[in-house]
Amino acid sequence: MANVPGASDDPKVIVVMPAYNAELTVEKTLRDIPEGSVDEIILVDDCSTDGTVAVARSLGITVIEREVNGGYGANQKVCYDEALARGADIVVMVHPDYQYDSRLVPFFTGFVWRGICDVMLGARIRTRAETLEGGMPLYKYVANRFLTFVENVALGQNLGDFHSGFRVYHRKVLERLPYHDNSDDFVFDSQFLAQSAYFGFKIGDAPVPVRYFKEASSINFTRSSEYGLRTLWTLVRYWLARLGVFRGSLFVPRD
């Protein structure tokens, strides 16, 4: 069983990796996860055009191949469905592009299993200088700071980075949130956090070093702008639900 610092018993920890063209980075991401800190690693491939699947299979992890390219959000839905079906108590979502430092997995899972938080995010932005020196483009840094500020105000949180690809969830969060009604695109992540706040789950974060380089996944300016606008619309929907004006499927709990 996974070794979670400070836990009174052993949870089942499953790492999920939503993958697309991660052939060059998936092994490095996997090797950084401390031995004995997780029970299983599942990679869900969204019809990669490179050797992601072959590399992942050679590493001995569980690989699920999607039949069609459905998008980042659609990929996560399969990840979480599979983790729940396999009995996960804690689910760790790590991008397999080696952008996030996966050595921190056992520390983040400890926060969740001890009940300090139900959701933990890896905050990439500890200082402006460190983040920009790490390679984050200036326009993404500015957009992140703006959106994170607005989301903190709208959702009543105090997080350093709402848009991290390093996340840890307690099973009860995934059982409660109607994440199948979320977008199949990148805004899935924003919707998930808005849902977590709406249903009263405790959300926290801690610093995680981040690396920006050619092979690390990223979206261009146009897609980033679309993502930002859809995130703002998610906040509008959150408040419409809070005020009882219109709840919609995003804020109706799973059965």
C-alpha atoms as a PDB file:
ATOM      1  CA  MET A   1       0.000   0.000   0.000  1.00  0.00           C
ATOM      2  CA  ALA A   2       1.077   3.576  -0.553  1.00  0.00           C
ATOM      3  CA  ASN A   3       3.071   5.234   2.199  1.00  0.00           C
ATOM      4  CA  VAL A   4       1.299   8.499   3.038  1.00  0.00           C
ATOM      5  CA  PRO A   5       3.148  10.636   5.605  1.00  0.00           C
ATOM      6  CA  GLY A   6       1.286  10.929   8.903  1.00  0.00           C
ATOM      7  CA  ALA A   7      -1.649   8.728   7.932  1.00  0.00           C
ATOM      8  CA  SER A   8      -3.108   6.330  10.490  1.00  0.00           C
ATOM      9  CA  ASP A   9      -3.735   3.653   7.876  1.00  0.00           C
ATOM     10  CA  ASP A  10      -2.899   3.036   4.249  1.00  0.00           C
ATOM     11  CA  PRO A  11      -5.089   4.516   1.521  1.00  0.00           C
ATOM     12  CA  LYS A  12      -5.077   3.204  -2.007  1.00  0.00           C
ATOM     13  CA  VAL A  13      -3.382   5.899  -4.075  1.00  0.00           C
ATOM     14  CA  ILE A  14      -3.714   5.857  -7.856  1.00  0.00           C
ATOM     15  CA  VAL A  15      -1.892   8.270 -10.159  1.00  0.00           C
ATOM     16  CA  VAL A  16      -3.649   9.099 -13.412  1.00  0.00           C
ATOM     17  CA  MET A  17      -1.906  10.646 -16.397  1.00  0.00           C
ATOM     18  CA  PRO A  18      -4.004  12.173 -19.192  1.00  0.00           C
ATOM     19  CA  ALA A  19      -1.573  11.834 -22.081  1.00  0.00           C
ATOM     20  CA  TYR A  20      -1.189  13.166 -25.589  1.00  0.00           C
ATOM     21  CA  ASN A  21       2.146  12.911 -27.402  1.00  0.00           C
ATOM     22  CA  ALA A  22       4.215  12.448 -24.240  1.00  0.00           C
ATOM     23  CA  GLU A  23       6.682   9.904 -25.649  1.00  0.00           C
ATOM     24  CA  LEU A  24       9.749  11.944 -24.678  1.00  0.00           C
ATOM     25  CA  THR A  25       8.685  12.848 -21.147  1.00  0.00           C
ATOM     26  CA  VAL A  26       6.473  10.136 -19.670  1.00  0.00           C
ATOM     27  CA  GLU A  27       9.356   7.998 -18.426  1.00  0.00           C
ATOM     28  CA  LYS A  28      11.028  10.914 -16.631  1.00  0.00           C
ATOM     29  CA  THR A  29       7.714  11.853 -15.014  1.00  0.00           C
ATOM     30  CA  LEU A  30       7.163   8.281 -13.877  1.00  0.00           C
ATOM     31  CA  ARG A  31      10.699   7.789 -12.542  1.00  0.00           C
ATOM     32  CA  ASP A  32      10.353  10.838 -10.273  1.00  0.00           C
ATOM     33  CA  ILE A  33       7.369   9.410  -8.365  1.00  0.00           C
ATOM     34  CA  PRO A  34       8.856   8.084  -5.102  1.00  0.00           C
ATOM     35  CA  GLU A  35       8.877   4.308  -4.892  1.00  0.00           C
ATOM     36  CA  GLY A  36       6.159   2.966  -2.619  1.00  0.00           C
ATOM     37  CA  SER A  37       4.180   6.212  -2.570  1.00  0.00           C
ATOM     38  CA  VAL A  38       1.440   5.017  -4.954  1.00  0.00           C
ATOM     39  CA  ASP A  39      -0.322   1.738  -5.611  1.00  0.00           C
ATOM     40  CA  GLU A  40      -0.967   2.067  -9.323  1.00  0.00           C
ATOM     41  CA  ILE A  41      -0.306   4.383 -12.241  1.00  0.00           C
ATOM     42  CA  ILE A  42      -2.805   4.672 -15.080  1.00  0.00           C
ATOM     43  CA  LEU A  43      -2.029   6.460 -18.340  1.00  0.00           C
ATOM     44  CA  VAL A  44      -4.963   7.295 -20.595  1.00  0.00           C
ATOM     45  CA  ASP A  45      -3.801   8.065 -24.115  1.00  0.00           C
ATOM     46  CA  ASP A  46      -5.901  10.414 -26.243  1.00  0.00           C
ATOM     47  CA  CYS A  47      -4.865   9.011 -29.639  1.00  0.00           C
ATOM     48  CA  SER A  48      -1.265  10.189 -29.552  1.00  0.00           C
ATOM     49  CA  THR A  49       0.543  10.284 -32.894  1.00  0.00           C
ATOM     50  CA  ASP A  50       3.909   9.381 -31.371  1.00  0.00           C
ATOM     51  CA  GLY A  51       5.158   6.434 -29.312  1.00  0.00           C
ATOM     52  CA  THR A  52       3.523   7.386 -26.008  1.00  0.00           C
ATOM     53  CA  VAL A  53       1.615   4.121 -25.691  1.00  0.00           C
ATOM     54  CA  ALA A  54       4.606   1.925 -26.502  1.00  0.00           C
ATOM     55  CA  VAL A  55       6.843   3.730 -24.010  1.00  0.00           C
ATOM     56  CA  ALA A  56       4.190   3.616 -21.279  1.00  0.00           C
ATOM     57  CA  ARG A  57       3.578  -0.096 -21.776  1.00  0.00           C
ATOM     58  CA  SER A  58       7.319  -0.771 -21.613  1.00  0.00           C
ATOM     59  CA  LEU A  59       7.359   0.897 -18.183  1.00  0.00           C
ATOM     60  CA  GLY A  60       4.827  -1.599 -16.852  1.00  0.00           C
ATOM     61  CA  ILE A  61       2.037   0.833 -16.009  1.00  0.00           C
ATOM     62  CA  THR A  62      -1.634   0.462 -16.864  1.00  0.00           C
ATOM     63  CA  VAL A  63      -2.405   1.964 -20.287  1.00  0.00           C
ATOM     64  CA  ILE A  64      -5.846   2.776 -21.647  1.00  0.00           C
ATOM     65  CA  GLU A  65      -6.125   3.847 -25.275  1.00  0.00           C
ATOM     66  CA  ARG A  66      -9.039   6.051 -26.270  1.00  0.00           C
ATOM     67  CA  GLU A  67     -10.525   5.199 -29.659  1.00  0.00           C
ATOM     68  CA  VAL A  68     -10.990   8.841 -30.658  1.00  0.00           C
ATOM     69  CA  ASN A  69      -9.249  12.049 -29.686  1.00  0.00           C
ATOM     70  CA  GLY A  70     -11.772  13.603 -27.313  1.00  0.00           C
ATOM     71  CA  GLY A  71      -9.775  16.385 -25.699  1.00  0.00           C
ATOM     72  CA  TYR A  72      -8.121  17.066 -22.358  1.00  0.00           C
ATOM     73  CA  GLY A  73     -11.324  17.083 -20.326  1.00  0.00           C
ATOM     74  CA  ALA A  74     -12.667  13.941 -21.965  1.00  0.00           C
ATOM     75  CA  ASN A  75      -9.388  12.227 -21.163  1.00  0.00           C
ATOM     76  CA  GLN A  76      -9.642  13.153 -17.482  1.00  0.00           C
ATOM     77  CA  LYS A  77     -13.152  11.737 -17.272  1.00  0.00           C
ATOM     78  CA  VAL A  78     -11.813   8.340 -18.314  1.00  0.00           C
ATOM     79  CA  CYS A  79      -8.920   8.716 -15.860  1.00  0.00           C
ATOM     80  CA  TYR A  80     -11.195   9.330 -12.889  1.00  0.00           C
ATOM     81  CA  ASP A  81     -13.755   6.696 -13.876  1.00  0.00           C
ATOM     82  CA  GLU A  82     -11.002   4.089 -14.054  1.00  0.00           C
ATOM     83  CA  ALA A  83      -9.411   5.156 -10.763  1.00  0.00           C
ATOM     84  CA  LEU A  84     -12.743   4.971  -8.933  1.00  0.00           C
ATOM     85  CA  ALA A  85     -13.520   1.589 -10.485  1.00  0.00           C
ATOM     86  CA  ARG A  86     -10.162   0.300  -9.229  1.00  0.00           C
ATOM     87  CA  GLY A  87     -10.947   1.368  -5.666  1.00  0.00           C
ATOM     88  CA  ALA A  88      -8.785   4.471  -5.283  1.00  0.00           C
ATOM     89  CA  ASP A  89      -9.066   6.359  -2.001  1.00  0.00           C
ATOM     90  CA  ILE A  90      -6.884   9.173  -3.330  1.00  0.00           C
ATOM     91  CA  VAL A  91      -6.430  10.112  -6.987  1.00  0.00           C
ATOM     92  CA  VAL A  92      -3.407  12.078  -8.139  1.00  0.00           C
ATOM     93  CA  MET A  93      -3.562  13.733 -11.551  1.00  0.00           C
ATOM     94  CA  VAL A  94      -0.132  14.440 -13.021  1.00  0.00           C
ATOM     95  CA  HIS A  95       0.557  15.609 -16.560  1.00  0.00           C
ATOM     96  CA  PRO A  96       3.064  13.176 -18.091  1.00  0.00           C
ATOM     97  CA  ASP A  97       4.966  15.994 -19.823  1.00  0.00           C
ATOM     98  CA  TYR A  98       7.514  16.388 -16.990  1.00  0.00           C
ATOM     99  CA  GLN A  99       6.392  19.973 -16.376  1.00  0.00           C
ATOM    100  CA  TYR A 100       5.515  19.297 -12.727  1.00  0.00           C
ATOM    101  CA  ASP A 101       7.777  17.782 -10.074  1.00  0.00           C
ATOM    102  CA  SER A 102       6.191  14.415  -9.316  1.00  0.00           C
ATOM    103  CA  ARG A 103       8.595  13.778  -6.414  1.00  0.00           C
ATOM    104  CA  LEU A 104       6.066  15.661  -4.283  1.00  0.00           C
ATOM    105  CA  VAL A 105       3.247  13.132  -4.718  1.00  0.00           C
ATOM    106  CA  PRO A 106       3.460  11.608  -1.185  1.00  0.00           C
ATOM    107  CA  PHE A 107       3.437  15.023   0.497  1.00  0.00           C
ATOM    108  CA  PHE A 108       0.314  16.168  -1.349  1.00  0.00           C
ATOM    109  CA  THR A 109      -1.508  12.900  -0.712  1.00  0.00           C
ATOM    110  CA  GLY A 110      -0.722  13.294   2.985  1.00  0.00           C
ATOM    111  CA  PHE A 111      -2.652  16.581   3.105  1.00  0.00           C
ATOM    112  CA  VAL A 112      -5.684  14.859   1.619  1.00  0.00           C
ATOM    113  CA  TRP A 113      -5.611  11.619   3.610  1.00  0.00           C
ATOM    114  CA  ARG A 114      -5.168  13.459   6.908  1.00  0.00           C
ATOM    115  CA  GLY A 115      -8.300  15.481   6.127  1.00  0.00           C
ATOM    116  CA  ILE A 116      -6.516  18.829   5.934  1.00  0.00           C
ATOM    117  CA  CYS A 117      -7.848  19.280   2.398  1.00  0.00           C
ATOM    118  CA  ASP A 118     -10.153  17.396   0.065  1.00  0.00           C
ATOM    119  CA  VAL A 119      -8.455  18.851  -3.010  1.00  0.00           C
ATOM    120  CA  MET A 120      -4.777  19.808  -3.280  1.00  0.00           C
ATOM    121  CA  LEU A 121      -3.214  21.802  -6.103  1.00  0.00           C
ATOM    122  CA  GLY A 122       0.434  22.251  -6.976  1.00  0.00           C
ATOM    123  CA  ALA A 123       1.019  26.017  -7.095  1.00  0.00           C
ATOM    124  CA  ARG A 124       3.542  26.899  -9.802  1.00  0.00           C
ATOM    125  CA  ILE A 125       3.802  30.555  -8.849  1.00  0.00           C
ATOM    126  CA  ARG A 126       5.753  31.051  -5.637  1.00  0.00           C
ATOM    127  CA  THR A 127       7.483  34.235  -6.837  1.00  0.00           C
ATOM    128  CA  ARG A 128       7.228  36.134 -10.107  1.00  0.00           C
ATOM    129  CA  ALA A 129      10.962  35.843 -10.785  1.00  0.00           C
ATOM    130  CA  GLU A 130      11.073  32.103 -10.159  1.00  0.00           C
ATOM    131  CA  THR A 131       8.079  31.463 -12.398  1.00  0.00           C
ATOM    132  CA  LEU A 132       9.374  33.516 -15.315  1.00  0.00           C
ATOM    133  CA  GLU A 133      12.874  32.077 -14.955  1.00  0.00           C
ATOM    134  CA  GLY A 134      11.271  28.629 -15.092  1.00  0.00           C
ATOM    135  CA  GLY A 135      10.054  29.464 -18.589  1.00  0.00           C
ATOM    136  CA  MET A 136       6.404  30.492 -18.179  1.00  0.00           C
ATOM    137  CA  PRO A 137       5.600  32.953 -21.007  1.00  0.00           C
ATOM    138  CA  LEU A 138       4.883  36.465 -19.748  1.00  0.00           C
ATOM    139  CA  TYR A 139       1.379  36.594 -21.252  1.00  0.00           C
ATOM    140  CA  LYS A 140       0.494  33.325 -19.500  1.00  0.00           C
ATOM    141  CA  TYR A 141       1.845  34.627 -16.219  1.00  0.00           C
ATOM    142  CA  VAL A 142      -0.251  37.809 -16.478  1.00  0.00           C
ATOM    143  CA  ALA A 143      -3.362  35.859 -17.493  1.00  0.00           C
ATOM    144  CA  ASN A 144      -2.835  33.377 -14.665  1.00  0.00           C
ATOM    145  CA  ARG A 145      -2.494  36.142 -12.073  1.00  0.00           C
ATOM    146  CA  PHE A 146      -5.643  37.864 -13.315  1.00  0.00           C
ATOM    147  CA  LEU A 147      -7.771  34.728 -13.529  1.00  0.00           C
ATOM    148  CA  THR A 148      -6.532  33.370 -10.214  1.00  0.00           C
ATOM    149  CA  PHE A 149      -7.392  36.668  -8.488  1.00  0.00           C
ATOM    150  CA  VAL A 150     -10.888  36.706  -9.982  1.00  0.00           C
ATOM    151  CA  GLU A 151     -11.472  33.046  -9.132  1.00  0.00           C
ATOM    152  CA  ASN A 152     -10.329  33.516  -5.539  1.00  0.00           C
ATOM    153  CA  VAL A 153     -12.782  36.389  -5.098  1.00  0.00           C
ATOM    154  CA  ALA A 154     -15.660  34.653  -6.891  1.00  0.00           C
ATOM    155  CA  LEU A 155     -15.213  31.271  -5.191  1.00  0.00           C
ATOM    156  CA  GLY A 156     -14.163  32.508  -1.742  1.00  0.00           C
ATOM    157  CA  GLN A 157     -10.773  30.811  -1.877  1.00  0.00           C
ATOM    158  CA  ASN A 158      -7.161  31.861  -1.278  1.00  0.00           C
ATOM    159  CA  LEU A 159      -5.171  29.794  -3.762  1.00  0.00           C
ATOM    160  CA  GLY A 160      -1.926  30.672  -5.464  1.00  0.00           C
ATOM    161  CA  ASP A 161      -2.606  28.987  -8.807  1.00  0.00           C
ATOM    162  CA  PHE A 162      -6.011  27.841 -10.042  1.00  0.00           C
ATOM    163  CA  HIS A 163      -4.611  26.433 -13.282  1.00  0.00           C
ATOM    164  CA  SER A 164      -2.176  23.782 -12.182  1.00  0.00           C
ATOM    165  CA  GLY A 165      -1.889  20.385 -13.850  1.00  0.00           C
ATOM    166  CA  PHE A 166      -0.785  18.733 -10.604  1.00  0.00           C
ATOM    167  CA  ARG A 167      -3.862  17.856  -8.539  1.00  0.00           C
ATOM    168  CA  VAL A 168      -4.840  15.453  -5.774  1.00  0.00           C
ATOM    169  CA  TYR A 169      -8.441  14.487  -4.971  1.00  0.00           C
ATOM    170  CA  HIS A 170     -10.077  12.472  -2.232  1.00  0.00           C
ATOM    171  CA  ARG A 171     -12.397   9.804  -3.559  1.00  0.00           C
ATOM    172  CA  LYS A 172     -15.449  11.508  -2.040  1.00  0.00           C
ATOM    173  CA  VAL A 173     -14.852  14.549  -4.266  1.00  0.00           C
ATOM    174  CA  LEU A 174     -14.987  12.501  -7.452  1.00  0.00           C
ATOM    175  CA  GLU A 175     -18.048  10.618  -6.192  1.00  0.00           C
ATOM    176  CA  ARG A 176     -19.887  13.872  -5.524  1.00  0.00           C
ATOM    177  CA  LEU A 177     -18.990  16.108  -8.476  1.00  0.00           C
ATOM    178  CA  PRO A 178     -20.856  15.690 -11.783  1.00  0.00           C
ATOM    179  CA  TYR A 179     -17.620  15.899 -13.748  1.00  0.00           C
ATOM    180  CA  HIS A 180     -19.134  14.028 -16.697  1.00  0.00           C
ATOM    181  CA  ASP A 181     -21.164  17.168 -17.396  1.00  0.00           C
ATOM    182  CA  ASN A 182     -17.994  19.245 -17.651  1.00  0.00           C
ATOM    183  CA  SER A 183     -16.355  20.337 -20.883  1.00  0.00           C
ATOM    184  CA  ASP A 184     -14.205  17.915 -22.859  1.00  0.00           C
ATOM    185  CA  ASP A 185     -11.710  20.761 -23.341  1.00  0.00           C
ATOM    186  CA  PHE A 186      -9.236  22.531 -21.063  1.00  0.00           C
ATOM    187  CA  VAL A 187     -11.879  24.453 -19.098  1.00  0.00           C
ATOM    188  CA  PHE A 188     -12.730  21.129 -17.458  1.00  0.00           C
ATOM    189  CA  ASP A 189     -10.199  22.031 -14.747  1.00  0.00           C
ATOM    190  CA  SER A 190     -11.835  25.385 -13.947  1.00  0.00           C
ATOM    191  CA  GLN A 191     -15.272  23.808 -13.835  1.00  0.00           C
ATOM    192  CA  PHE A 192     -13.994  21.086 -11.498  1.00  0.00           C
ATOM    193  CA  LEU A 193     -12.691  23.620  -8.980  1.00  0.00           C
ATOM    194  CA  ALA A 194     -15.861  25.711  -9.179  1.00  0.00           C
ATOM    195  CA  GLN A 195     -17.852  22.545  -8.458  1.00  0.00           C
ATOM    196  CA  SER A 196     -15.549  21.667  -5.555  1.00  0.00           C
ATOM    197  CA  ALA A 197     -16.135  25.087  -4.007  1.00  0.00           C
ATOM    198  CA  TYR A 198     -19.874  24.914  -4.647  1.00  0.00           C
ATOM    199  CA  PHE A 199     -20.195  21.604  -2.811  1.00  0.00           C
ATOM    200  CA  GLY A 200     -18.112  22.833   0.105  1.00  0.00           C
ATOM    201  CA  PHE A 201     -14.964  20.772  -0.299  1.00  0.00           C
ATOM    202  CA  LYS A 202     -11.751  22.072   1.257  1.00  0.00           C
ATOM    203  CA  ILE A 203      -9.296  23.206  -1.412  1.00  0.00           C
ATOM    204  CA  GLY A 204      -5.631  23.879  -0.667  1.00  0.00           C
ATOM    205  CA  ASP A 205      -2.313  24.217  -2.429  1.00  0.00           C
ATOM    206  CA  ALA A 206       1.432  24.007  -1.892  1.00  0.00           C
ATOM    207  CA  PRO A 207       4.412  25.037  -4.033  1.00  0.00           C
ATOM    208  CA  VAL A 208       5.534  22.713  -6.796  1.00  0.00           C
ATOM    209  CA  PRO A 209       8.511  23.448  -9.066  1.00  0.00           C
ATOM    210  CA  VAL A 210       7.551  23.686 -12.728  1.00  0.00           C
ATOM    211  CA  ARG A 211       9.547  23.339 -15.918  1.00  0.00           C
ATOM    212  CA  TYR A 212       8.730  24.918 -19.293  1.00  0.00           C
ATOM    213  CA  PHE A 213      10.519  23.446 -22.287  1.00  0.00           C
ATOM    214  CA  LYS A 214       9.808  22.404 -25.863  1.00  0.00           C
ATOM    215  CA  GLU A 215       8.333  18.977 -25.049  1.00  0.00           C
ATOM    216  CA  ALA A 216       6.117  20.241 -22.203  1.00  0.00           C
ATOM    217  CA  SER A 217       2.471  20.572 -23.184  1.00  0.00           C
ATOM    218  CA  SER A 218       1.081  24.046 -23.684  1.00  0.00           C
ATOM    219  CA  ILE A 219      -1.709  25.799 -25.506  1.00  0.00           C
ATOM    220  CA  ASN A 220      -1.244  28.761 -27.812  1.00  0.00           C
ATOM    221  CA  PHE A 221      -2.440  32.329 -27.311  1.00  0.00           C
ATOM    222  CA  THR A 222      -5.755  31.802 -29.095  1.00  0.00           C
ATOM    223  CA  ARG A 223      -6.627  28.679 -27.120  1.00  0.00           C
ATOM    224  CA  SER A 224      -5.469  30.379 -23.910  1.00  0.00           C
ATOM    225  CA  SER A 225      -7.793  33.321 -24.572  1.00  0.00           C
ATOM    226  CA  GLU A 226     -10.717  30.975 -25.200  1.00  0.00           C
ATOM    227  CA  TYR A 227      -9.887  29.108 -22.010  1.00  0.00           C
ATOM    228  CA  GLY A 228      -9.847  32.352 -20.033  1.00  0.00           C
ATOM    229  CA  LEU A 229     -13.228  33.463 -21.325  1.00  0.00           C
ATOM    230  CA  ARG A 230     -14.785  30.078 -20.627  1.00  0.00           C
ATOM    231  CA  THR A 231     -13.329  30.158 -17.115  1.00  0.00           C
ATOM    232  CA  LEU A 232     -15.006  33.533 -16.492  1.00  0.00           C
ATOM    233  CA  TRP A 233     -18.294  32.122 -17.806  1.00  0.00           C
ATOM    234  CA  THR A 234     -17.925  29.210 -15.378  1.00  0.00           C
ATOM    235  CA  LEU A 235     -17.746  31.713 -12.515  1.00  0.00           C
ATOM    236  CA  VAL A 236     -20.930  33.381 -13.762  1.00  0.00           C
ATOM    237  CA  ARG A 237     -22.662  29.983 -13.792  1.00  0.00           C
ATOM    238  CA  TYR A 238     -21.359  29.311 -10.281  1.00  0.00           C
ATOM    239  CA  TRP A 239     -22.969  32.479  -8.956  1.00  0.00           C
ATOM    240  CA  LEU A 240     -26.202  31.884 -10.830  1.00  0.00           C
ATOM    241  CA  ALA A 241     -26.361  28.526  -9.059  1.00  0.00           C
ATOM    242  CA  ARG A 242     -25.451  30.041  -5.684  1.00  0.00           C
ATOM    243  CA  LEU A 243     -28.199  32.651  -6.038  1.00  0.00           C
ATOM    244  CA  GLY A 244     -30.758  30.052  -7.097  1.00  0.00           C
ATOM    245  CA  VAL A 245     -31.302  31.660 -10.487  1.00  0.00           C
ATOM    246  CA  PHE A 246     -30.092  28.764 -12.619  1.00  0.00           C
ATOM    247  CA  ARG A 247     -28.168  25.767 -11.381  1.00  0.00           C
ATOM    248  CA  GLY A 248     -27.646  23.760 -14.537  1.00  0.00           C
ATOM    249  CA  SER A 249     -26.052  20.323 -14.732  1.00  0.00           C
ATOM    250  CA  LEU A 250     -22.632  21.514 -13.558  1.00  0.00           C
ATOM    251  CA  PHE A 251     -23.873  22.014 -10.020  1.00  0.00           C
ATOM    252  CA  VAL A 252     -26.204  19.066  -9.585  1.00  0.00           C
ATOM    253  CA  PRO A 253     -24.463  16.356  -7.518  1.00  0.00           C
ATOM    254  CA  ARG A 254     -23.939  12.878  -8.868  1.00  0.00           C
ATOM    255  CA  ASP A 255     -26.357  10.212  -7.710  1.00  0.00           C
END
